[in-house]
């Protein structure tokens, strides 16, 4: 497919419920060394995350979904899952508040985008941007007014290929996110205000 932009008309987005579990498993199987994360990094204490890396994290994420909580959205092309964006109310990610650099800046209710994963054949085609817009629309329908993100400033990172799982600053800027805090050389807090975009 080359490096052309992926047409949004080909894409379908679904919030992840237990009905999408097999699709999520299929996509995450492509993650290689990071496949044991199961997007639990911001949800549980680091010691627990390391202890249950792999099967334990998989089971923990499945329990979250079985409880009725939606941990994010999947992107599909022709029925195949090709991309993931983890978005939920910030309360779902308590590790953020234990972070010196990403702790809350105020008490406003926000939703957080904490992770992306795109299937290798669909990288460099603008899918993360499209996924972010779909995530915003999903959160908006759930009543969100502010979306937070914690993207990477790649030029300040020693390992951008690994640390860019939260997205990069320039992508969020193009969408309309604004930096609201920066306590780190590599990872600011950015916000998208849904009301101001109407």
Foldseek 3Di string as FASTA:
>chain_A
DPQAADDPVQKDKDQDAVVCLVLLLVQLVQVPPQSQQLVCCQQDDPVVSVVRRRPNSSVVVNVCRPVVDGQWMFMDGPRHTFKTWGKDWCVNRCSLCVDPWRRDPDDDTEMETAFMDGHVVNPNNCVVLVRVVVRVVVVVVVPGFKYKFWAWQQVQDPCCVVRRRRPHDVSVVVVPWAFDAGPDPTTTITMDGNVVVD
